[in-house]
N, C-alpha and C. Protein backbone atom coordinates (compact mmCIF):
# COMPACT_ATOMS: atom_id res chain seq x y z
N MET A 1 40.71 -15.35 -33.97
CA MET A 1 41.29 -14.21 -33.28
C MET A 1 40.54 -13.98 -31.98
N GLY A 2 41.14 -13.22 -31.10
CA GLY A 2 40.56 -12.95 -29.79
C GLY A 2 41.66 -12.84 -28.77
N LEU A 3 41.49 -13.53 -27.68
CA LEU A 3 42.48 -13.52 -26.61
C LEU A 3 43.42 -14.70 -26.82
N GLY A 4 44.70 -14.40 -27.05
CA GLY A 4 45.68 -15.44 -27.36
C GLY A 4 46.60 -15.71 -26.19
N LEU A 5 47.14 -16.93 -26.14
CA LEU A 5 48.12 -17.35 -25.14
C LEU A 5 49.45 -17.55 -25.85
N TYR A 6 50.50 -16.90 -25.32
CA TYR A 6 51.81 -16.89 -25.96
C TYR A 6 52.91 -17.31 -24.99
N ASP A 7 54.02 -17.83 -25.56
CA ASP A 7 55.20 -18.09 -24.74
C ASP A 7 56.06 -16.84 -24.70
N GLU A 8 57.18 -16.91 -23.99
CA GLU A 8 58.03 -15.74 -23.82
C GLU A 8 58.74 -15.31 -25.09
N PHE A 9 58.67 -16.12 -26.14
CA PHE A 9 59.31 -15.78 -27.41
C PHE A 9 58.32 -15.25 -28.44
N GLY A 10 57.05 -15.12 -28.04
CA GLY A 10 56.02 -14.60 -28.92
C GLY A 10 55.33 -15.65 -29.77
N ASN A 11 55.55 -16.93 -29.46
CA ASN A 11 54.88 -18.00 -30.19
C ASN A 11 53.51 -18.25 -29.59
N LYS A 12 52.50 -18.31 -30.42
CA LYS A 12 51.13 -18.51 -29.94
C LYS A 12 50.84 -20.00 -29.77
N PHE A 13 50.23 -20.33 -28.63
CA PHE A 13 49.83 -21.71 -28.38
C PHE A 13 48.52 -21.99 -29.09
N SER A 14 48.27 -23.28 -29.35
CA SER A 14 47.02 -23.68 -29.99
C SER A 14 45.83 -23.39 -29.08
N GLU A 15 44.67 -23.22 -29.70
CA GLU A 15 43.46 -22.83 -28.98
C GLU A 15 42.41 -23.92 -29.06
N ASP A 16 41.43 -23.83 -28.18
CA ASP A 16 40.27 -24.70 -28.20
C ASP A 16 40.62 -26.18 -28.15
N GLY A 17 41.67 -26.52 -27.40
CA GLY A 17 42.02 -27.93 -27.22
C GLY A 17 42.81 -28.54 -28.36
N ALA A 18 43.08 -27.76 -29.41
CA ALA A 18 43.89 -28.28 -30.51
C ALA A 18 45.30 -28.55 -30.00
N GLN A 19 45.94 -29.54 -30.53
CA GLN A 19 47.28 -29.90 -30.08
C GLN A 19 48.36 -29.53 -31.10
N SER A 20 48.07 -28.55 -31.97
CA SER A 20 49.04 -28.16 -32.98
C SER A 20 50.25 -27.45 -32.38
N HIS A 21 50.07 -26.71 -31.30
CA HIS A 21 51.19 -26.06 -30.59
C HIS A 21 50.81 -25.96 -29.11
N PRO A 22 50.86 -27.10 -28.39
CA PRO A 22 50.49 -27.11 -26.97
C PRO A 22 51.62 -26.59 -26.08
N ILE A 23 51.29 -26.26 -24.84
CA ILE A 23 52.32 -25.98 -23.84
C ILE A 23 53.06 -27.30 -23.61
N THR A 24 54.38 -27.27 -23.74
CA THR A 24 55.17 -28.50 -23.64
C THR A 24 56.26 -28.32 -22.60
N THR A 25 56.40 -29.29 -21.71
CA THR A 25 57.49 -29.29 -20.73
C THR A 25 58.13 -30.68 -20.73
N THR A 26 59.39 -30.75 -20.32
CA THR A 26 60.11 -32.01 -20.19
C THR A 26 60.61 -32.11 -18.76
N HIS A 27 60.41 -33.28 -18.15
CA HIS A 27 60.75 -33.49 -16.74
C HIS A 27 61.67 -34.70 -16.57
N LYS A 28 62.48 -34.67 -15.53
CA LYS A 28 63.30 -35.81 -15.14
C LYS A 28 62.42 -36.75 -14.32
N GLY A 29 61.99 -37.84 -14.93
CA GLY A 29 61.05 -38.74 -14.29
C GLY A 29 61.58 -39.45 -13.06
N ASN A 30 62.87 -39.74 -13.03
CA ASN A 30 63.43 -40.46 -11.88
C ASN A 30 63.37 -39.63 -10.61
N ASP A 31 63.75 -38.37 -10.73
CA ASP A 31 63.86 -37.52 -9.55
C ASP A 31 62.61 -36.69 -9.29
N GLY A 32 61.82 -36.45 -10.34
CA GLY A 32 60.73 -35.49 -10.22
C GLY A 32 61.33 -34.09 -10.25
N GLU A 33 60.57 -33.15 -10.73
CA GLU A 33 61.08 -31.78 -10.76
C GLU A 33 59.96 -30.83 -11.14
N SER A 34 60.26 -29.55 -10.99
CA SER A 34 59.32 -28.52 -11.44
C SER A 34 59.91 -27.80 -12.64
N VAL A 35 59.03 -27.38 -13.53
CA VAL A 35 59.41 -26.59 -14.69
C VAL A 35 58.55 -25.34 -14.67
N GLU A 36 59.18 -24.19 -14.85
CA GLU A 36 58.47 -22.91 -14.81
C GLU A 36 58.57 -22.22 -16.16
N LEU A 37 57.43 -21.73 -16.64
CA LEU A 37 57.37 -21.03 -17.91
C LEU A 37 56.71 -19.67 -17.73
N LEU A 38 57.26 -18.66 -18.39
CA LEU A 38 56.64 -17.35 -18.44
C LEU A 38 55.71 -17.33 -19.65
N LEU A 39 54.42 -17.09 -19.39
CA LEU A 39 53.42 -17.08 -20.44
C LEU A 39 52.74 -15.71 -20.48
N TYR A 40 52.06 -15.44 -21.58
CA TYR A 40 51.42 -14.13 -21.76
C TYR A 40 50.04 -14.28 -22.38
N LEU A 41 49.12 -13.42 -21.97
CA LEU A 41 47.86 -13.23 -22.67
C LEU A 41 48.01 -12.00 -23.54
N HIS A 42 47.38 -12.03 -24.71
CA HIS A 42 47.47 -10.91 -25.65
C HIS A 42 46.18 -10.82 -26.44
N ASN A 43 45.70 -9.60 -26.65
CA ASN A 43 44.52 -9.37 -27.46
C ASN A 43 44.93 -9.36 -28.93
N ASP A 44 44.40 -10.31 -29.69
CA ASP A 44 44.72 -10.42 -31.12
C ASP A 44 43.65 -9.79 -32.01
N ASP A 45 42.64 -9.17 -31.42
CA ASP A 45 41.51 -8.66 -32.21
C ASP A 45 41.26 -7.18 -31.91
N PRO A 46 41.53 -6.29 -32.86
CA PRO A 46 41.36 -4.86 -32.62
C PRO A 46 39.91 -4.41 -32.48
N THR A 47 38.96 -5.32 -32.66
CA THR A 47 37.54 -4.95 -32.51
C THR A 47 36.98 -5.36 -31.14
N GLN A 48 37.86 -5.92 -30.25
CA GLN A 48 37.39 -6.42 -28.96
C GLN A 48 38.32 -6.01 -27.83
N TRP A 49 37.75 -5.98 -26.62
CA TRP A 49 38.55 -5.87 -25.41
C TRP A 49 37.99 -6.88 -24.41
N PHE A 50 38.77 -7.21 -23.36
CA PHE A 50 38.43 -8.32 -22.47
C PHE A 50 38.53 -7.90 -21.01
N ASN A 51 37.57 -8.37 -20.21
CA ASN A 51 37.63 -8.15 -18.76
C ASN A 51 37.17 -9.41 -18.04
N ASP A 52 37.17 -9.36 -16.71
CA ASP A 52 36.81 -10.52 -15.89
C ASP A 52 37.61 -11.75 -16.31
N ILE A 53 38.91 -11.59 -16.49
CA ILE A 53 39.77 -12.65 -16.99
C ILE A 53 40.30 -13.48 -15.83
N THR A 54 40.04 -14.78 -15.86
CA THR A 54 40.62 -15.70 -14.88
C THR A 54 41.31 -16.84 -15.61
N ILE A 55 42.34 -17.36 -14.98
CA ILE A 55 43.09 -18.49 -15.53
C ILE A 55 43.20 -19.54 -14.43
N MET A 56 42.93 -20.79 -14.79
CA MET A 56 43.10 -21.87 -13.82
C MET A 56 43.54 -23.14 -14.55
N PRO A 57 44.39 -23.92 -13.90
CA PRO A 57 44.76 -25.21 -14.48
C PRO A 57 43.62 -26.21 -14.28
N VAL A 58 43.39 -27.04 -15.27
CA VAL A 58 42.38 -28.09 -15.17
C VAL A 58 42.95 -29.38 -15.76
N ASP A 59 42.43 -30.48 -15.27
CA ASP A 59 42.77 -31.78 -15.82
C ASP A 59 41.50 -32.33 -16.42
N VAL A 60 41.54 -32.66 -17.70
CA VAL A 60 40.34 -33.12 -18.39
C VAL A 60 40.12 -34.62 -18.25
N ALA A 61 40.95 -35.28 -17.47
CA ALA A 61 40.80 -36.72 -17.21
C ALA A 61 40.99 -36.98 -15.73
N GLU A 62 40.58 -38.14 -15.28
CA GLU A 62 40.78 -38.55 -13.90
C GLU A 62 41.99 -39.46 -13.83
N PRO A 63 42.78 -39.43 -12.78
CA PRO A 63 42.68 -38.52 -11.64
C PRO A 63 43.20 -37.14 -11.98
N ASP A 64 42.90 -36.17 -11.13
CA ASP A 64 43.29 -34.77 -11.35
C ASP A 64 44.78 -34.61 -11.10
N ASP A 65 45.52 -34.28 -12.17
CA ASP A 65 46.98 -34.11 -12.09
C ASP A 65 47.40 -32.67 -11.84
N THR A 66 46.50 -31.82 -11.34
CA THR A 66 46.88 -30.44 -11.06
C THR A 66 47.06 -30.18 -9.57
N LEU A 67 46.79 -31.17 -8.72
CA LEU A 67 46.68 -30.94 -7.28
C LEU A 67 47.92 -31.27 -6.46
N GLY A 68 49.02 -31.60 -7.11
CA GLY A 68 50.26 -31.84 -6.40
C GLY A 68 50.15 -32.97 -5.39
N ASP A 69 50.64 -32.74 -4.17
CA ASP A 69 50.65 -33.79 -3.14
C ASP A 69 49.25 -34.14 -2.63
N GLN A 70 48.24 -33.39 -3.03
CA GLN A 70 46.85 -33.73 -2.68
C GLN A 70 46.22 -34.65 -3.74
N GLY A 71 46.99 -34.98 -4.77
CA GLY A 71 46.48 -35.82 -5.84
C GLY A 71 47.52 -36.86 -6.23
N THR A 72 47.91 -36.86 -7.52
CA THR A 72 48.81 -37.87 -8.06
C THR A 72 50.29 -37.54 -7.86
N GLY A 73 50.57 -36.35 -7.37
CA GLY A 73 51.95 -35.88 -7.27
C GLY A 73 52.28 -34.88 -8.36
N TRP A 74 51.59 -34.97 -9.50
CA TRP A 74 51.70 -33.92 -10.50
C TRP A 74 50.98 -32.69 -9.93
N GLY A 75 51.45 -31.51 -10.27
CA GLY A 75 50.79 -30.31 -9.77
C GLY A 75 51.05 -29.12 -10.66
N VAL A 76 50.10 -28.18 -10.64
CA VAL A 76 50.23 -26.95 -11.41
C VAL A 76 49.89 -25.77 -10.51
N LYS A 77 50.74 -24.75 -10.58
CA LYS A 77 50.51 -23.48 -9.90
C LYS A 77 50.72 -22.37 -10.92
N ILE A 78 49.99 -21.27 -10.75
CA ILE A 78 50.19 -20.12 -11.63
C ILE A 78 50.28 -18.86 -10.78
N SER A 79 51.01 -17.87 -11.31
CA SER A 79 51.24 -16.64 -10.57
C SER A 79 51.25 -15.46 -11.55
N LYS A 80 50.44 -14.46 -11.26
CA LYS A 80 50.33 -13.27 -12.12
C LYS A 80 51.58 -12.41 -12.01
N GLY A 81 52.00 -11.83 -13.14
CA GLY A 81 53.10 -10.87 -13.15
C GLY A 81 54.32 -11.38 -13.89
N VAL A 82 55.22 -10.45 -14.18
CA VAL A 82 56.42 -10.78 -14.94
C VAL A 82 57.54 -11.31 -14.04
N GLU A 83 57.51 -10.96 -12.76
CA GLU A 83 58.57 -11.39 -11.84
C GLU A 83 58.39 -12.86 -11.50
N GLN A 84 59.45 -13.64 -11.72
CA GLN A 84 59.40 -15.07 -11.42
C GLN A 84 59.31 -15.28 -9.92
N PRO A 85 58.30 -16.02 -9.46
CA PRO A 85 58.18 -16.25 -8.02
C PRO A 85 59.39 -17.01 -7.47
N ASN A 86 59.81 -16.62 -6.27
CA ASN A 86 60.89 -17.35 -5.61
C ASN A 86 60.29 -18.58 -4.92
N PRO A 87 61.13 -19.49 -4.40
CA PRO A 87 60.60 -20.70 -3.76
C PRO A 87 59.60 -20.44 -2.63
N THR A 88 59.80 -19.38 -1.86
CA THR A 88 58.87 -19.07 -0.78
C THR A 88 57.51 -18.67 -1.33
N LYS A 89 57.50 -17.85 -2.37
CA LYS A 89 56.22 -17.44 -2.96
C LYS A 89 55.51 -18.64 -3.57
N TRP A 90 56.24 -19.49 -4.30
CA TRP A 90 55.61 -20.68 -4.87
C TRP A 90 55.02 -21.55 -3.76
N ALA A 91 55.73 -21.68 -2.65
CA ALA A 91 55.25 -22.53 -1.54
C ALA A 91 53.93 -22.01 -0.96
N ASN A 92 53.70 -20.70 -1.07
CA ASN A 92 52.47 -20.10 -0.53
C ASN A 92 51.30 -20.11 -1.52
N ILE A 93 51.54 -20.58 -2.74
CA ILE A 93 50.48 -20.68 -3.75
C ILE A 93 49.96 -22.11 -3.74
N LYS A 94 48.65 -22.26 -3.69
CA LYS A 94 48.04 -23.59 -3.68
C LYS A 94 48.05 -24.20 -5.07
N TYR A 95 48.17 -25.52 -5.12
CA TYR A 95 48.06 -26.24 -6.38
C TYR A 95 46.66 -26.02 -6.95
N GLY A 96 46.58 -25.88 -8.27
CA GLY A 96 45.29 -25.71 -8.93
C GLY A 96 44.66 -24.35 -8.71
N ASN A 97 45.47 -23.36 -8.30
CA ASN A 97 44.93 -22.04 -7.98
C ASN A 97 44.39 -21.30 -9.21
N VAL A 98 43.56 -20.32 -8.95
CA VAL A 98 42.98 -19.46 -9.99
C VAL A 98 43.61 -18.08 -9.83
N ILE A 99 43.99 -17.45 -10.95
CA ILE A 99 44.45 -16.06 -10.90
C ILE A 99 43.50 -15.19 -11.72
N THR A 100 43.42 -13.93 -11.32
CA THR A 100 42.63 -12.94 -12.05
C THR A 100 43.60 -11.97 -12.72
N MET A 101 43.44 -11.81 -14.01
CA MET A 101 44.31 -10.92 -14.77
C MET A 101 43.65 -9.55 -14.92
N ASP A 102 44.47 -8.55 -15.21
CA ASP A 102 43.97 -7.20 -15.48
C ASP A 102 43.13 -7.22 -16.76
N ASP A 103 42.23 -6.23 -16.87
CA ASP A 103 41.49 -6.07 -18.11
C ASP A 103 42.47 -5.84 -19.25
N ILE A 104 42.14 -6.37 -20.41
CA ILE A 104 42.97 -6.16 -21.59
C ILE A 104 42.18 -5.26 -22.53
N GLY A 105 42.49 -3.98 -22.47
CA GLY A 105 41.77 -2.97 -23.21
C GLY A 105 40.67 -2.38 -22.35
N ALA A 106 39.86 -1.55 -22.97
CA ALA A 106 38.74 -0.89 -22.29
C ALA A 106 37.78 -0.42 -23.37
N GLU A 107 36.62 0.04 -22.94
CA GLU A 107 35.64 0.53 -23.91
C GLU A 107 36.29 1.60 -24.79
N GLY A 108 36.25 1.37 -26.10
CA GLY A 108 36.84 2.31 -27.06
C GLY A 108 38.32 2.11 -27.29
N SER A 109 38.96 1.18 -26.57
CA SER A 109 40.40 0.98 -26.68
C SER A 109 40.75 -0.50 -26.53
N PRO A 110 41.06 -1.20 -27.63
CA PRO A 110 41.25 -2.64 -27.56
C PRO A 110 42.57 -3.12 -26.96
N ASP A 111 43.62 -2.32 -26.93
CA ASP A 111 44.97 -2.70 -26.48
C ASP A 111 45.45 -3.99 -27.12
N THR A 112 45.94 -3.86 -28.32
CA THR A 112 46.50 -5.01 -29.04
C THR A 112 48.03 -5.00 -29.04
N THR A 113 48.63 -4.17 -28.17
CA THR A 113 50.09 -4.10 -28.14
C THR A 113 50.70 -4.72 -26.88
N THR A 114 49.98 -4.72 -25.77
CA THR A 114 50.53 -5.19 -24.50
C THR A 114 50.39 -6.71 -24.36
N PHE A 115 51.43 -7.34 -23.83
CA PHE A 115 51.39 -8.76 -23.47
C PHE A 115 51.32 -8.83 -21.95
N TYR A 116 50.33 -9.55 -21.42
CA TYR A 116 50.06 -9.61 -19.98
C TYR A 116 50.65 -10.89 -19.42
N PRO A 117 51.70 -10.78 -18.56
CA PRO A 117 52.46 -11.96 -18.14
C PRO A 117 51.89 -12.70 -16.93
N PHE A 118 52.17 -14.00 -16.91
CA PHE A 118 51.96 -14.82 -15.72
C PHE A 118 52.89 -16.03 -15.80
N TRP A 119 53.18 -16.59 -14.63
CA TRP A 119 54.07 -17.76 -14.54
C TRP A 119 53.25 -19.03 -14.37
N TYR A 120 53.72 -20.07 -15.02
CA TYR A 120 53.11 -21.41 -14.99
C TYR A 120 54.16 -22.36 -14.44
N ARG A 121 53.81 -23.07 -13.38
CA ARG A 121 54.74 -24.04 -12.79
C ARG A 121 54.06 -25.40 -12.75
N ILE A 122 54.71 -26.39 -13.37
CA ILE A 122 54.20 -27.75 -13.35
C ILE A 122 55.23 -28.64 -12.67
N ILE A 123 54.74 -29.47 -11.77
CA ILE A 123 55.60 -30.32 -10.97
C ILE A 123 55.29 -31.77 -11.29
N SER A 124 56.35 -32.56 -11.50
CA SER A 124 56.18 -33.99 -11.72
C SER A 124 56.71 -34.74 -10.50
N PRO A 125 56.06 -35.83 -10.13
CA PRO A 125 56.53 -36.60 -8.99
C PRO A 125 57.72 -37.49 -9.38
N PRO A 126 58.51 -37.93 -8.40
CA PRO A 126 59.60 -38.86 -8.71
C PRO A 126 59.06 -40.23 -9.11
N GLY A 127 59.88 -40.95 -9.86
CA GLY A 127 59.54 -42.32 -10.23
C GLY A 127 58.56 -42.45 -11.39
N GLU A 128 58.42 -41.42 -12.18
CA GLU A 128 57.49 -41.44 -13.32
C GLU A 128 58.12 -42.11 -14.53
N ASP A 129 57.34 -42.93 -15.20
CA ASP A 129 57.78 -43.50 -16.48
C ASP A 129 57.67 -42.43 -17.56
N VAL A 130 58.33 -42.66 -18.68
CA VAL A 130 58.24 -41.74 -19.81
C VAL A 130 56.80 -41.72 -20.31
N LYS A 131 56.26 -40.53 -20.49
CA LYS A 131 54.89 -40.41 -20.98
C LYS A 131 54.68 -39.05 -21.60
N THR A 132 53.67 -38.97 -22.42
CA THR A 132 53.21 -37.70 -22.96
C THR A 132 51.86 -37.42 -22.31
N LYS A 133 51.78 -36.35 -21.56
CA LYS A 133 50.53 -35.98 -20.89
C LYS A 133 49.83 -34.92 -21.74
N VAL A 134 48.59 -35.15 -22.04
CA VAL A 134 47.82 -34.18 -22.82
C VAL A 134 46.55 -33.77 -22.08
N ASP A 135 46.44 -34.15 -20.82
CA ASP A 135 45.20 -33.90 -20.09
C ASP A 135 45.24 -32.65 -19.21
N ILE A 136 46.39 -32.06 -18.99
CA ILE A 136 46.49 -30.85 -18.18
C ILE A 136 46.40 -29.64 -19.11
N LYS A 137 45.47 -28.75 -18.83
CA LYS A 137 45.23 -27.59 -19.68
C LYS A 137 45.06 -26.34 -18.82
N LEU A 138 45.14 -25.19 -19.44
CA LEU A 138 44.81 -23.93 -18.78
C LEU A 138 43.44 -23.49 -19.27
N ARG A 139 42.55 -23.25 -18.33
CA ARG A 139 41.22 -22.74 -18.66
C ARG A 139 41.24 -21.23 -18.48
N ILE A 140 40.93 -20.52 -19.53
CA ILE A 140 40.92 -19.06 -19.50
C ILE A 140 39.49 -18.61 -19.74
N ASP A 141 38.90 -18.02 -18.71
CA ASP A 141 37.54 -17.48 -18.80
C ASP A 141 37.62 -15.96 -18.88
N PHE A 142 36.70 -15.36 -19.61
CA PHE A 142 36.74 -13.91 -19.79
C PHE A 142 35.39 -13.43 -20.32
N THR A 143 35.21 -12.13 -20.23
CA THR A 143 34.08 -11.47 -20.89
C THR A 143 34.64 -10.73 -22.10
N LYS A 144 34.07 -10.98 -23.26
CA LYS A 144 34.51 -10.34 -24.49
C LYS A 144 33.58 -9.17 -24.76
N ASN A 145 34.16 -8.01 -25.09
CA ASN A 145 33.39 -6.79 -25.32
C ASN A 145 33.76 -6.18 -26.67
N ALA A 146 32.78 -5.63 -27.34
CA ALA A 146 33.05 -4.89 -28.58
C ALA A 146 33.65 -3.53 -28.21
N VAL A 147 34.59 -3.08 -29.02
CA VAL A 147 35.26 -1.81 -28.76
C VAL A 147 34.32 -0.66 -28.94
């Protein structure tokens, strides 16, 4: 329990690198494309609250597949909030960017009811062969506090 990552349907993703329920996207390899997902952070532990929360895409293998046209052509961008970014807003967000989320709870108040939204956009380059990528992850850093 602690700080959980959920999809828009309330399904919790696997934690600590486990692949039991990873973030999954499907792309058209011939043309390349972007896929956007609305994701949420949620406090699953009524004895804790969280602050200093940052989220960033990371690639645990080389080459780095989060950097878009500055790397392999694969890229990841994230954007805080429930409103889906339009193409202009996405264009102004750098690949591999870091976002800072609001505190989830406060001293004496854990907030286990609110889901905190952000958008995840992953881009695949054209001409890709069929593959399963397991090296792109979201790194979520935070300070955990007792209520």
